[in-house]
Amino acid sequence: MGIVRRSFSFLTGTACGIYIAQNYKVPNINKLAHCAVSIAKELEKRYRKPESSDDV
């Protein structure tokens, strides 16, 4: 009975997630994460301090 009690919230969350994914327009998280990483890389390139030759 302990394993059912411990996994109840996990199973409920999984069932709700499946229902929401099937019945509502949920954004593609993988595509969204890729877009965020590319934006972060562009910002890093734009605002990075120039490398000085003194560091060598």
C-alpha atoms as a PDB file:
ATOM      1  CA  MET A   1       0.000   0.000   0.000  1.00  0.00           C
ATOM      2  CA  GLY A   2       2.986   2.306   0.554  1.00  0.00           C
ATOM      3  CA  ILE A   3       4.107   2.334  -3.066  1.00  0.00           C
ATOM      4  CA  VAL A   4       0.609   3.305  -4.236  1.00  0.00           C
ATOM      5  CA  ARG A   5       0.494   6.158  -1.750  1.00  0.00           C
ATOM      6  CA  ARG A   6       3.947   7.421  -2.750  1.00  0.00           C
ATOM      7  CA  SER A   7       3.338   7.255  -6.477  1.00  0.00           C
ATOM      8  CA  PHE A   8      -0.213   8.670  -6.412  1.00  0.00           C
ATOM      9  CA  SER A   9       0.893  12.272  -7.057  1.00  0.00           C
ATOM     10  CA  PHE A  10       3.247  11.148  -9.850  1.00  0.00           C
ATOM     11  CA  LEU A  11       0.521   9.098 -11.553  1.00  0.00           C
ATOM     12  CA  THR A  12      -2.025  11.899 -11.160  1.00  0.00           C
ATOM     13  CA  GLY A  13       0.396  14.424 -12.665  1.00  0.00           C
ATOM     14  CA  THR A  14       1.183  12.095 -15.553  1.00  0.00           C
ATOM     15  CA  ALA A  15      -2.495  11.518 -16.296  1.00  0.00           C
ATOM     16  CA  CYS A  16      -3.254  15.248 -16.150  1.00  0.00           C
ATOM     17  CA  GLY A  17      -0.273  16.007 -18.391  1.00  0.00           C
ATOM     18  CA  ILE A  18      -1.403  13.493 -20.989  1.00  0.00           C
ATOM     19  CA  TYR A  19      -4.942  14.895 -20.928  1.00  0.00           C
ATOM     20  CA  ILE A  20      -3.732  18.479 -21.315  1.00  0.00           C
ATOM     21  CA  ALA A  21      -1.298  17.585 -24.112  1.00  0.00           C
ATOM     22  CA  GLN A  22      -4.016  15.828 -26.081  1.00  0.00           C
ATOM     23  CA  ASN A  23      -6.805  18.375 -25.621  1.00  0.00           C
ATOM     24  CA  TYR A  24      -5.043  21.750 -25.602  1.00  0.00           C
ATOM     25  CA  LYS A  25      -2.480  23.428 -27.815  1.00  0.00           C
ATOM     26  CA  VAL A  26       0.697  23.054 -25.767  1.00  0.00           C
ATOM     27  CA  PRO A  27       3.906  24.629 -27.130  1.00  0.00           C
ATOM     28  CA  ASN A  28       6.762  22.373 -28.165  1.00  0.00           C
ATOM     29  CA  ILE A  29       9.196  22.667 -25.252  1.00  0.00           C
ATOM     30  CA  ASN A  30      12.143  21.309 -27.238  1.00  0.00           C
ATOM     31  CA  LYS A  31      11.744  23.975 -29.921  1.00  0.00           C
ATOM     32  CA  LEU A  32      11.248  26.678 -27.293  1.00  0.00           C
ATOM     33  CA  ALA A  33      14.411  25.634 -25.424  1.00  0.00           C
ATOM     34  CA  HIS A  34      16.451  25.607 -28.646  1.00  0.00           C
ATOM     35  CA  CYS A  35      15.238  29.125 -29.451  1.00  0.00           C
ATOM     36  CA  ALA A  36      16.141  30.351 -25.947  1.00  0.00           C
ATOM     37  CA  VAL A  37      19.645  28.878 -26.183  1.00  0.00           C
ATOM     38  CA  SER A  38      20.270  30.495 -29.566  1.00  0.00           C
ATOM     39  CA  ILE A  39      19.093  33.886 -28.250  1.00  0.00           C
ATOM     40  CA  ALA A  40      21.383  33.514 -25.216  1.00  0.00           C
ATOM     41  CA  LYS A  41      24.347  32.717 -27.475  1.00  0.00           C
ATOM     42  CA  GLU A  42      23.658  35.788 -29.611  1.00  0.00           C
ATOM     43  CA  LEU A  43      23.451  38.002 -26.522  1.00  0.00           C
ATOM     44  CA  GLU A  44      26.703  36.553 -25.223  1.00  0.00           C
ATOM     45  CA  LYS A  45      28.460  37.281 -28.522  1.00  0.00           C
ATOM     46  CA  ARG A  46      27.111  40.805 -28.612  1.00  0.00           C
ATOM     47  CA  TYR A  47      28.027  41.829 -25.054  1.00  0.00           C
ATOM     48  CA  ARG A  48      31.213  39.819 -24.493  1.00  0.00           C
ATOM     49  CA  LYS A  49      34.286  41.814 -23.586  1.00  0.00           C
ATOM     50  CA  PRO A  50      36.940  41.710 -26.285  1.00  0.00           C
ATOM     51  CA  GLU A  51      39.815  39.398 -25.524  1.00  0.00           C
ATOM     52  CA  SER A  52      42.994  41.208 -24.642  1.00  0.00           C
ATOM     53  CA  SER A  53      46.424  39.993 -25.658  1.00  0.00           C
ATOM     54  CA  ASP A  54      47.685  40.542 -22.068  1.00  0.00           C
ATOM     55  CA  ASP A  55      45.991  37.329 -20.849  1.00  0.00           C
ATOM     56  CA  VAL A  56      48.371  35.080 -22.814  1.00  0.00           C
END
